[in-house]
Structures are given as C-alpha cells and as structure tokens.
Amino acid sequence: MALILRGKTPCSICGDVINDGDVVVATSHFIGDKDDPLWRFSDSGMHRDCFLSWPLREDFVLKYNAAVGDFTAENGTYHRMEADGYITVLERNAES
C-alpha cells in the first residue's frame, strides 16, 4: 500500500498535500510498465475528491481490478476497487 505521511505527501493528481482528515484513495504498486500513463498513480495516494473528478478514474479502476482481481489469497479473498475508489475485500465462491 502507498506510504502516506499526512501533512507531507502530495496528492498524485492535484499535487496538494494530503492532510489529517482528508479522505484518501490509495493502492499498492500494480502497474509495472513505466510507459503506462497510469504508472505514476500506482502505489500513490490521492484525495478522494480529486479521484472522483479525475478523467482517468474509470481506466484506473478497470486496470486495478484487472491486475489485482485475479489474485486470490490463501483465505479465499480478493480485492476489488469500486468506482468511487474504495477497495473492498470479497470472498471467492468455492468452485464445484
């Protein structure tokens, strides 16, 4: 997960500092290709308000879910990013 120091870390979208009380969207590193236009937003933090109005939000969510959604932990759970930036932990159905 992105390391965020409130009062010091800038939002990767607007560049303003993320402060105490700011609602944040953050991910772990999930884009390995440095030429990908979304690469710099992977493993970063951003203000949730910035994220919600970000023109690249939908592409980012789709890319996150494509990269991370296929990984299932030993306990049968996986992560899914919702359109609003929240990441939920879900349980895979047991395959018959």
PDB file of N, CA and C in Angstrom:
ATOM      1  N   MET A   1       0.849  -1.165   0.000  1.00  0.00           N
ATOM      2  CA  MET A   1       0.000   0.000   0.000  1.00  0.00           C
ATOM      3  C   MET A   1       0.896   1.230   0.000  1.00  0.00           C
ATOM      4  N   ALA A   2       0.404   2.265  -0.596  1.00  0.00           N
ATOM      5  CA  ALA A   2       1.158   3.511  -0.682  1.00  0.00           C
ATOM      6  C   ALA A   2       1.468   4.044   0.716  1.00  0.00           C
ATOM      7  N   LEU A   3       2.662   4.559   0.887  1.00  0.00           N
ATOM      8  CA  LEU A   3       3.060   5.189   2.137  1.00  0.00           C
ATOM      9  C   LEU A   3       2.632   6.651   2.082  1.00  0.00           C
ATOM     10  N   ILE A   4       1.750   7.025   3.003  1.00  0.00           N
ATOM     11  CA  ILE A   4       1.234   8.388   3.018  1.00  0.00           C
ATOM     12  C   ILE A   4       1.559   9.016   4.365  1.00  0.00           C
ATOM     13  N   LEU A   5       2.298  10.110   4.326  1.00  0.00           N
ATOM     14  CA  LEU A   5       2.607  10.877   5.531  1.00  0.00           C
ATOM     15  C   LEU A   5       1.737  12.132   5.485  1.00  0.00           C
ATOM     16  N   ARG A   6       0.696  12.128   6.290  1.00  0.00           N
ATOM     17  CA  ARG A   6      -0.233  13.268   6.281  1.00  0.00           C
ATOM     18  C   ARG A   6       0.518  14.541   6.668  1.00  0.00           C
ATOM     19  N   GLY A   7       0.243  15.582   5.900  1.00  0.00           N
ATOM     20  CA  GLY A   7       0.949  16.840   6.097  1.00  0.00           C
ATOM     21  C   GLY A   7       2.214  16.949   5.269  1.00  0.00           C
ATOM     22  N   LYS A   8       2.593  15.864   4.586  1.00  0.00           N
ATOM     23  CA  LYS A   8       3.820  15.871   3.767  1.00  0.00           C
ATOM     24  C   LYS A   8       3.622  15.292   2.369  1.00  0.00           C
ATOM     25  N   THR A   9       2.844  14.217   2.257  1.00  0.00           N
ATOM     26  CA  THR A   9       2.696  13.530   0.973  1.00  0.00           C
ATOM     27  C   THR A   9       1.745  14.294   0.059  1.00  0.00           C
ATOM     28  N   PRO A  10       2.187  14.584  -1.182  1.00  0.00           N
ATOM     29  CA  PRO A  10       1.287  15.259  -2.121  1.00  0.00           C
ATOM     30  C   PRO A  10       0.320  14.276  -2.779  1.00  0.00           C
ATOM     31  N   CYS A  11      -0.842  14.767  -3.109  1.00  0.00           N
ATOM     32  CA  CYS A  11      -1.827  14.009  -3.891  1.00  0.00           C
ATOM     33  C   CYS A  11      -1.226  13.809  -5.276  1.00  0.00           C
ATOM     34  N   SER A  12      -1.292  12.578  -5.790  1.00  0.00           N
ATOM     35  CA  SER A  12      -0.696  12.306  -7.098  1.00  0.00           C
ATOM     36  C   SER A  12      -1.503  12.898  -8.253  1.00  0.00           C
ATOM     37  N   ILE A  13      -2.691  13.420  -7.967  1.00  0.00           N
ATOM     38  CA  ILE A  13      -3.492  14.049  -9.026  1.00  0.00           C
ATOM     39  C   ILE A  13      -3.315  15.569  -9.012  1.00  0.00           C
ATOM     40  N   CYS A  14      -3.585  16.210  -7.865  1.00  0.00           N
ATOM     41  CA  CYS A  14      -3.559  17.681  -7.835  1.00  0.00           C
ATOM     42  C   CYS A  14      -2.235  18.255  -7.343  1.00  0.00           C
ATOM     43  N   GLY A  15      -1.451  17.452  -6.619  1.00  0.00           N
ATOM     44  CA  GLY A  15      -0.167  17.920  -6.107  1.00  0.00           C
ATOM     45  C   GLY A  15      -0.234  18.585  -4.750  1.00  0.00           C
ATOM     46  N   ASP A  16      -1.439  18.887  -4.244  1.00  0.00           N
ATOM     47  CA  ASP A  16      -1.567  19.471  -2.909  1.00  0.00           C
ATOM     48  C   ASP A  16      -1.307  18.402  -1.858  1.00  0.00           C
ATOM     49  N   VAL A  17      -0.848  18.823  -0.696  1.00  0.00           N
ATOM     50  CA  VAL A  17      -0.523  17.898   0.387  1.00  0.00           C
ATOM     51  C   VAL A  17      -1.788  17.234   0.932  1.00  0.00           C
ATOM     52  N   ILE A  18      -1.668  15.960   1.254  1.00  0.00           N
ATOM     53  CA  ILE A  18      -2.744  15.216   1.907  1.00  0.00           C
ATOM     54  C   ILE A  18      -2.618  15.477   3.406  1.00  0.00           C
ATOM     55  N   ASN A  19      -3.666  16.036   3.993  1.00  0.00           N
ATOM     56  CA  ASN A  19      -3.645  16.431   5.393  1.00  0.00           C
ATOM     57  C   ASN A  19      -4.513  15.529   6.258  1.00  0.00           C
ATOM     58  N   ASP A  20      -4.374  15.685   7.571  1.00  0.00           N
ATOM     59  CA  ASP A  20      -5.252  14.981   8.500  1.00  0.00           C
ATOM     60  C   ASP A  20      -6.694  15.299   8.136  1.00  0.00           C
ATOM     61  N   GLY A  21      -7.538  14.303   8.185  1.00  0.00           N
ATOM     62  CA  GLY A  21      -8.952  14.495   7.876  1.00  0.00           C
ATOM     63  C   GLY A  21      -9.304  14.336   6.414  1.00  0.00           C
ATOM     64  N   ASP A  22      -8.308  14.362   5.517  1.00  0.00           N
ATOM     65  CA  ASP A  22      -8.586  14.165   4.092  1.00  0.00           C
ATOM     66  C   ASP A  22      -8.913  12.694   3.845  1.00  0.00           C
ATOM     67  N   VAL A  23      -9.953  12.442   3.075  1.00  0.00           N
ATOM     68  CA  VAL A  23     -10.275  11.082   2.671  1.00  0.00           C
ATOM     69  C   VAL A  23      -9.394  10.747   1.477  1.00  0.00           C
ATOM     70  N   VAL A  24      -8.752   9.589   1.522  1.00  0.00           N
ATOM     71  CA  VAL A  24      -7.714   9.244   0.555  1.00  0.00           C
ATOM     72  C   VAL A  24      -8.071   7.965  -0.198  1.00  0.00           C
ATOM     73  N   VAL A  25      -7.721   7.929  -1.468  1.00  0.00           N
ATOM     74  CA  VAL A  25      -7.725   6.705  -2.270  1.00  0.00           C
ATOM     75  C   VAL A  25      -6.258   6.341  -2.454  1.00  0.00           C
ATOM     76  N   ALA A  26      -5.912   5.086  -2.171  1.00  0.00           N
ATOM     77  CA  ALA A  26      -4.522   4.651  -2.297  1.00  0.00           C
ATOM     78  C   ALA A  26      -4.481   3.193  -2.720  1.00  0.00           C
ATOM     79  N   THR A  27      -3.446   2.837  -3.448  1.00  0.00           N
ATOM     80  CA  THR A  27      -3.281   1.451  -3.888  1.00  0.00           C
ATOM     81  C   THR A  27      -1.851   1.003  -3.634  1.00  0.00           C
ATOM     82  N   SER A  28      -1.674  -0.273  -3.712  1.00  0.00           N
ATOM     83  CA  SER A  28      -0.322  -0.816  -3.753  1.00  0.00           C
ATOM     84  C   SER A  28       0.185  -0.678  -5.189  1.00  0.00           C
ATOM     85  N   HIS A  29       1.440  -1.021  -5.394  1.00  0.00           N
ATOM     86  CA  HIS A  29       2.024  -0.963  -6.737  1.00  0.00           C
ATOM     87  C   HIS A  29       1.409  -2.084  -7.579  1.00  0.00           C
ATOM     88  N   PHE A  30       0.736  -1.735  -8.668  1.00  0.00           N
ATOM     89  CA  PHE A  30       0.121  -2.761  -9.505  1.00  0.00           C
ATOM     90  C   PHE A  30       0.365  -2.548 -10.994  1.00  0.00           C
ATOM     91  N   ILE A  31       1.041  -1.469 -11.357  1.00  0.00           N
ATOM     92  CA  ILE A  31       1.377  -1.225 -12.763  1.00  0.00           C
ATOM     93  C   ILE A  31       2.892  -1.235 -12.880  1.00  0.00           C
ATOM     94  N   GLY A  32       3.430  -2.211 -13.596  1.00  0.00           N
ATOM     95  CA  GLY A  32       4.873  -2.346 -13.712  1.00  0.00           C
ATOM     96  C   GLY A  32       5.488  -1.618 -14.897  1.00  0.00           C
ATOM     97  N   ASP A  33       4.687  -1.289 -15.879  1.00  0.00           N
ATOM     98  CA  ASP A  33       5.176  -0.659 -17.106  1.00  0.00           C
ATOM     99  C   ASP A  33       5.298   0.848 -16.912  1.00  0.00           C
ATOM    100  N   LYS A  34       6.524   1.349 -16.838  1.00  0.00           N
ATOM    101  CA  LYS A  34       6.757   2.781 -16.624  1.00  0.00           C
ATOM    102  C   LYS A  34       6.247   3.643 -17.776  1.00  0.00           C
ATOM    103  N   ASP A  35       5.981   3.045 -18.934  1.00  0.00           N
ATOM    104  CA  ASP A  35       5.445   3.797 -20.063  1.00  0.00           C
ATOM    105  C   ASP A  35       3.923   3.910 -20.022  1.00  0.00           C
ATOM    106  N   ASP A  36       3.294   3.191 -19.102  1.00  0.00           N
ATOM    107  CA  ASP A  36       1.842   3.267 -18.945  1.00  0.00           C
ATOM    108  C   ASP A  36       1.492   4.648 -18.383  1.00  0.00           C
ATOM    109  N   PRO A  37       0.543   5.363 -18.984  1.00  0.00           N
ATOM    110  CA  PRO A  37       0.204   6.699 -18.489  1.00  0.00           C
ATOM    111  C   PRO A  37      -0.350   6.703 -17.061  1.00  0.00           C
ATOM    112  N   LEU A  38      -0.779   5.560 -16.554  1.00  0.00           N
ATOM    113  CA  LEU A  38      -1.289   5.475 -15.187  1.00  0.00           C
ATOM    114  C   LEU A  38      -0.235   5.003 -14.187  1.00  0.00           C
ATOM    115  N   TRP A  39       0.974   4.699 -14.662  1.00  0.00           N
ATOM    116  CA  TRP A  39       2.008   4.131 -13.814  1.00  0.00           C
ATOM    117  C   TRP A  39       2.282   4.969 -12.564  1.00  0.00           C
ATOM    118  N   ARG A  40       2.398   6.270 -12.711  1.00  0.00           N
ATOM    119  CA  ARG A  40       2.770   7.114 -11.569  1.00  0.00           C
ATOM    120  C   ARG A  40       1.677   7.196 -10.502  1.00  0.00           C
ATOM    121  N   PHE A  41       0.476   6.748 -10.820  1.00  0.00           N
ATOM    122  CA  PHE A  41      -0.622   6.765  -9.857  1.00  0.00           C
ATOM    123  C   PHE A  41      -0.723   5.450  -9.084  1.00  0.00           C
ATOM    124  N   SER A  42      -0.034   4.427  -9.585  1.00  0.00           N
ATOM    125  CA  SER A  42       0.029   3.139  -8.893  1.00  0.00           C
ATOM    126  C   SER A  42       0.978   3.298  -7.713  1.00  0.00           C
ATOM    127  N   ASP A  43       0.595   2.795  -6.557  1.00  0.00           N
ATOM    128  CA  ASP A  43       1.377   2.945  -5.322  1.00  0.00           C
ATOM    129  C   ASP A  43       1.489   4.419  -4.942  1.00  0.00           C
ATOM    130  N   SER A  44       0.363   5.099  -4.997  1.00  0.00           N
ATOM    131  CA  SER A  44       0.327   6.508  -4.605  1.00  0.00           C
ATOM    132  C   SER A  44      -0.968   6.772  -3.853  1.00  0.00           C
ATOM    133  N   GLY A  45      -1.027   7.959  -3.269  1.00  0.00           N
ATOM    134  CA  GLY A  45      -2.241   8.391  -2.599  1.00  0.00           C
ATOM    135  C   GLY A  45      -2.799   9.612  -3.298  1.00  0.00           C
ATOM    136  N   MET A  46      -4.109   9.742  -3.253  1.00  0.00           N
ATOM    137  CA  MET A  46      -4.772  10.884  -3.867  1.00  0.00           C
ATOM    138  C   MET A  46      -6.007  11.251  -3.059  1.00  0.00           C
ATOM    139  N   HIS A  47      -6.336  12.521  -3.042  1.00  0.00           N
ATOM    140  CA  HIS A  47      -7.569  12.949  -2.375  1.00  0.00           C
ATOM    141  C   HIS A  47      -8.747  12.249  -3.050  1.00  0.00           C
ATOM    142  N   ARG A  48      -9.677  11.793  -2.249  1.00  0.00           N
ATOM    143  CA  ARG A  48     -10.842  11.112  -2.831  1.00  0.00           C
ATOM    144  C   ARG A  48     -11.619  12.060  -3.752  1.00  0.00           C
ATOM    145  N   ASP A  49     -11.752  13.326  -3.367  1.00  0.00           N
ATOM    146  CA  ASP A  49     -12.457  14.293  -4.226  1.00  0.00           C
ATOM    147  C   ASP A  49     -11.752  14.454  -5.571  1.00  0.00           C
ATOM    148  N   CYS A  50     -10.420  14.462  -5.557  1.00  0.00           N
ATOM    149  CA  CYS A  50      -9.661  14.534  -6.812  1.00  0.00           C
ATOM    150  C   CYS A  50      -9.923  13.283  -7.640  1.00  0.00           C
ATOM    151  N   PHE A  51      -9.897  12.132  -6.966  1.00  0.00           N
ATOM    152  CA  PHE A  51     -10.116  10.861  -7.655  1.00  0.00           C
ATOM    153  C   PHE A  51     -11.495  10.835  -8.314  1.00  0.00           C
ATOM    154  N   LEU A  52     -12.519  11.279  -7.613  1.00  0.00           N
ATOM    155  CA  LEU A  52     -13.883  11.223  -8.145  1.00  0.00           C
ATOM    156  C   LEU A  52     -14.081  12.090  -9.380  1.00  0.00           C
ATOM    157  N   SER A  53     -13.326  13.174  -9.504  1.00  0.00           N
ATOM    158  CA  SER A  53     -13.474  14.054 -10.670  1.00  0.00           C
ATOM    159  C   SER A  53     -12.372  13.838 -11.713  1.00  0.00           C
ATOM    160  N   TRP A  54     -11.509  12.883 -11.491  1.00  0.00           N
ATOM    161  CA  TRP A  54     -10.365  12.603 -12.362  1.00  0.00           C
ATOM    162  C   TRP A  54     -10.822  11.970 -13.672  1.00  0.00           C
ATOM    163  N   PRO A  55     -10.464  12.528 -14.815  1.00  0.00           N
ATOM    164  CA  PRO A  55     -10.874  11.957 -16.105  1.00  0.00           C
ATOM    165  C   PRO A  55     -10.361  10.536 -16.347  1.00  0.00           C
ATOM    166  N   LEU A  56      -9.274  10.139 -15.686  1.00  0.00           N
ATOM    167  CA  LEU A  56      -8.711   8.802 -15.888  1.00  0.00           C
ATOM    168  C   LEU A  56      -9.203   7.779 -14.856  1.00  0.00           C
ATOM    169  N   ARG A  57     -10.140   8.181 -14.015  1.00  0.00           N
ATOM    170  CA  ARG A  57     -10.621   7.326 -12.923  1.00  0.00           C
ATOM    171  C   ARG A  57     -11.124   5.971 -13.423  1.00  0.00           C
ATOM    172  N   GLU A  58     -11.982   5.966 -14.412  1.00  0.00           N
ATOM    173  CA  GLU A  58     -12.556   4.710 -14.891  1.00  0.00           C
ATOM    174  C   GLU A  58     -11.473   3.763 -15.415  1.00  0.00           C
ATOM    175  N   ASP A  59     -10.524   4.299 -16.187  1.00  0.00           N
ATOM    176  CA  ASP A  59      -9.421   3.476 -16.693  1.00  0.00           C
ATOM    177  C   ASP A  59      -8.583   2.920 -15.546  1.00  0.00           C
ATOM    178  N   PHE A  60      -8.344   3.752 -14.527  1.00  0.00           N
ATOM    179  CA  PHE A  60      -7.551   3.331 -13.375  1.00  0.00           C
ATOM    180  C   PHE A  60      -8.243   2.194 -12.623  1.00  0.00           C
ATOM    181  N   VAL A  61      -9.531   2.333 -12.390  1.00  0.00           N
ATOM    182  CA  VAL A  61     -10.296   1.300 -11.682  1.00  0.00           C
ATOM    183  C   VAL A  61     -10.283  -0.002 -12.479  1.00  0.00           C
ATOM    184  N   LEU A  62     -10.510   0.088 -13.768  1.00  0.00           N
ATOM    185  CA  LEU A  62     -10.504  -1.118 -14.614  1.00  0.00           C
ATOM    186  C   LEU A  62      -9.137  -1.799 -14.598  1.00  0.00           C
ATOM    187  N   LYS A  63      -8.080  -1.001 -14.680  1.00  0.00           N
ATOM    188  CA  LYS A  63      -6.736  -1.567 -14.686  1.00  0.00           C
ATOM    189  C   LYS A  63      -6.403  -2.205 -13.338  1.00  0.00           C
ATOM    190  N   TYR A  64      -6.795  -1.553 -12.247  1.00  0.00           N
ATOM    191  CA  TYR A  64      -6.564  -2.118 -10.912  1.00  0.00           C
ATOM    192  C   TYR A  64      -7.272  -3.466 -10.779  1.00  0.00           C
ATOM    193  N   ASN A  65      -8.536  -3.496 -11.138  1.00  0.00           N
ATOM    194  CA  ASN A  65      -9.301  -4.741 -10.990  1.00  0.00           C
ATOM    195  C   ASN A  65      -8.789  -5.845 -11.901  1.00  0.00           C
ATOM    196  N   ALA A  66      -8.318  -5.491 -13.088  1.00  0.00           N
ATOM    197  CA  ALA A  66      -7.755  -6.496 -13.992  1.00  0.00           C
ATOM    198  C   ALA A  66      -6.453  -7.057 -13.432  1.00  0.00           C
ATOM    199  N   ALA A  67      -5.655  -6.209 -12.813  1.00  0.00           N
ATOM    200  CA  ALA A  67      -4.349  -6.643 -12.294  1.00  0.00           C
ATOM    201  C   ALA A  67      -4.465  -7.363 -10.959  1.00  0.00           C
ATOM    202  N   VAL A  68      -5.302  -6.864 -10.076  1.00  0.00           N
ATOM    203  CA  VAL A  68      -5.360  -7.368  -8.709  1.00  0.00           C
ATOM    204  C   VAL A  68      -6.505  -8.355  -8.498  1.00  0.00           C
ATOM    205  N   GLY A  69      -7.562  -8.211  -9.247  1.00  0.00           N
ATOM    206  CA  GLY A  69      -8.754  -9.023  -9.040  1.00  0.00           C
ATOM    207  C   GLY A  69      -8.576 -10.502  -9.285  1.00  0.00           C
ATOM    208  N   ASP A  70      -7.581 -10.877 -10.067  1.00  0.00           N
ATOM    209  CA  ASP A  70      -7.350 -12.301 -10.327  1.00  0.00           C
ATOM    210  C   ASP A  70      -6.571 -12.983  -9.215  1.00  0.00           C
ATOM    211  N   PHE A  71      -5.967 -12.204  -8.325  1.00  0.00           N
ATOM    212  CA  PHE A  71      -5.177 -12.789  -7.238  1.00  0.00           C
ATOM    213  C   PHE A  71      -6.101 -13.142  -6.076  1.00  0.00           C
ATOM    214  N   THR A  72      -6.097 -14.403  -5.704  1.00  0.00           N
ATOM    215  CA  THR A  72      -6.877 -14.856  -4.558  1.00  0.00           C
ATOM    216  C   THR A  72      -5.914 -15.261  -3.448  1.00  0.00           C
ATOM    217  N   ALA A  73      -6.125 -14.692  -2.267  1.00  0.00           N
ATOM    218  CA  ALA A  73      -5.295 -15.015  -1.110  1.00  0.00           C
ATOM    219  C   ALA A  73      -5.613 -16.431  -0.622  1.00  0.00           C
ATOM    220  N   GLU A  74      -4.754 -16.948   0.242  1.00  0.00           N
ATOM    221  CA  GLU A  74      -4.954 -18.293   0.779  1.00  0.00           C
ATOM    222  C   GLU A  74      -6.291 -18.455   1.486  1.00  0.00           C
ATOM    223  N   ASN A  75      -6.805 -17.380   2.050  1.00  0.00           N
ATOM    224  CA  ASN A  75      -8.083 -17.468   2.762  1.00  0.00           C
ATOM    225  C   ASN A  75      -9.291 -17.337   1.838  1.00  0.00           C
ATOM    226  N   GLY A  76      -9.055 -17.273   0.516  1.00  0.00           N
ATOM    227  CA  GLY A  76     -10.136 -17.225  -0.462  1.00  0.00           C
ATOM    228  C   GLY A  76     -10.662 -15.835  -0.767  1.00  0.00           C
ATOM    229  N   THR A  77      -9.974 -14.804  -0.301  1.00  0.00           N
ATOM    230  CA  THR A  77     -10.446 -13.444  -0.548  1.00  0.00           C
ATOM    231  C   THR A  77      -9.652 -12.783  -1.680  1.00  0.00           C
ATOM    232  N   TYR A  78     -10.257 -11.759  -2.241  1.00  0.00           N
ATOM    233  CA  TYR A  78      -9.591 -10.952  -3.263  1.00  0.00           C
ATOM    234  C   TYR A  78     -10.061  -9.507  -3.114  1.00  0.00           C
ATOM    235  N   HIS A  79      -9.325  -8.574  -3.696  1.00  0.00           N
ATOM    236  CA  HIS A  79      -9.650  -7.146  -3.600  1.00  0.00           C
ATOM    237  C   HIS A  79     -10.301  -6.671  -4.888  1.00  0.00           C
ATOM    238  N   ARG A  80     -11.242  -5.753  -4.728  1.00  0.00           N
ATOM    239  CA  ARG A  80     -11.905  -5.135  -5.874  1.00  0.00           C
ATOM    240  C   ARG A  80     -12.072  -3.650  -5.579  1.00  0.00           C
ATOM    241  N   MET A  81     -11.647  -2.819  -6.535  1.00  0.00           N
ATOM    242  CA  MET A  81     -11.840  -1.379  -6.392  1.00  0.00           C
ATOM    243  C   MET A  81     -13.194  -1.008  -6.985  1.00  0.00           C
ATOM    244  N   GLU A  82     -13.951  -0.274  -6.210  1.00  0.00           N
ATOM    245  CA  GLU A  82     -15.250   0.218  -6.670  1.00  0.00           C
ATOM    246  C   GLU A  82     -15.040   1.517  -7.449  1.00  0.00           C
ATOM    247  N   ALA A  83     -16.050   1.966  -8.160  1.00  0.00           N
ATOM    248  CA  ALA A  83     -15.943   3.163  -8.992  1.00  0.00           C
ATOM    249  C   ALA A  83     -15.583   4.405  -8.188  1.00  0.00           C
ATOM    250  N   ASP A  84     -15.906   4.404  -6.882  1.00  0.00           N
ATOM    251  CA  ASP A  84     -15.613   5.561  -6.043  1.00  0.00           C
ATOM    252  C   ASP A  84     -14.233   5.496  -5.389  1.00  0.00           C
ATOM    253  N   GLY A  85     -13.451   4.446  -5.710  1.00  0.00           N
ATOM    254  CA  GLY A  85     -12.099   4.328  -5.193  1.00  0.00           C
ATOM    255  C   GLY A  85     -11.946   3.464  -3.965  1.00  0.00           C
ATOM    256  N   TYR A  86     -13.056   3.111  -3.337  1.00  0.00           N
ATOM    257  CA  TYR A  86     -12.957   2.228  -2.178  1.00  0.00           C
ATOM    258  C   TYR A  86     -12.584   0.827  -2.632  1.00  0.00           C
ATOM    259  N   ILE A  87     -11.721   0.194  -1.865  1.00  0.00           N
ATOM    260  CA  ILE A  87     -11.310  -1.174  -2.166  1.00  0.00           C
ATOM    261  C   ILE A  87     -11.989  -2.094  -1.162  1.00  0.00           C
ATOM    262  N   THR A  88     -12.729  -3.045  -1.688  1.00  0.00           N
ATOM    263  CA  THR A  88     -13.429  -3.999  -0.835  1.00  0.00           C
ATOM    264  C   THR A  88     -12.739  -5.349  -0.916  1.00  0.00           C
ATOM    265  N   VAL A  89     -12.854  -6.083   0.163  1.00  0.00           N
ATOM    266  CA  VAL A  89     -12.323  -7.441   0.220  1.00  0.00           C
ATOM    267  C   VAL A  89     -13.511  -8.375   0.070  1.00  0.00           C
ATOM    268  N   LEU A  90     -13.436  -9.213  -0.932  1.00  0.00           N
ATOM    269  CA  LEU A  90     -14.524 -10.135  -1.241  1.00  0.00           C
ATOM    270  C   LEU A  90     -14.037 -11.569  -1.113  1.00  0.00           C
ATOM    271  N   GLU A  91     -14.975 -12.485  -0.998  1.00  0.00           N
ATOM    272  CA  GLU A  91     -14.643 -13.891  -0.895  1.00  0.00           C
ATOM    273  C   GLU A  91     -15.028 -14.603  -2.182  1.00  0.00           C
ATOM    274  N   ARG A  92     -14.107 -15.366  -2.713  1.00  0.00           N
ATOM    275  CA  ARG A  92     -14.393 -16.138  -3.927  1.00  0.00           C
ATOM    276  C   ARG A  92     -15.340 -17.274  -3.570  1.00  0.00           C
ATOM    277  N   ASN A  93     -16.281 -17.530  -4.455  1.00  0.00           N
ATOM    278  CA  ASN A  93     -17.159 -18.683  -4.282  1.00  0.00           C
ATOM    279  C   ASN A  93     -16.349 -19.940  -4.503  1.00  0.00           C
ATOM    280  N   ALA A  94     -16.603 -20.947  -3.702  1.00  0.00           N
ATOM    281  CA  ALA A  94     -15.919 -22.225  -3.904  1.00  0.00           C
ATOM    282  C   ALA A  94     -16.368 -22.812  -5.236  1.00  0.00           C
ATOM    283  N   GLU A  95     -15.381 -23.242  -6.017  1.00  0.00           N
ATOM    284  CA  GLU A  95     -15.706 -23.842  -7.318  1.00  0.00           C
ATOM    285  C   GLU A  95     -16.168 -25.264  -7.116  1.00  0.00           C
ATOM    286  N   SER A  96     -17.181 -25.664  -7.863  1.00  0.00           N
ATOM    287  CA  SER A  96     -17.697 -27.033  -7.742  1.00  0.00           C
ATOM    288  C   SER A  96     -16.907 -27.996  -8.573  1.00  0.00           C
TER     289      SER A  96
END
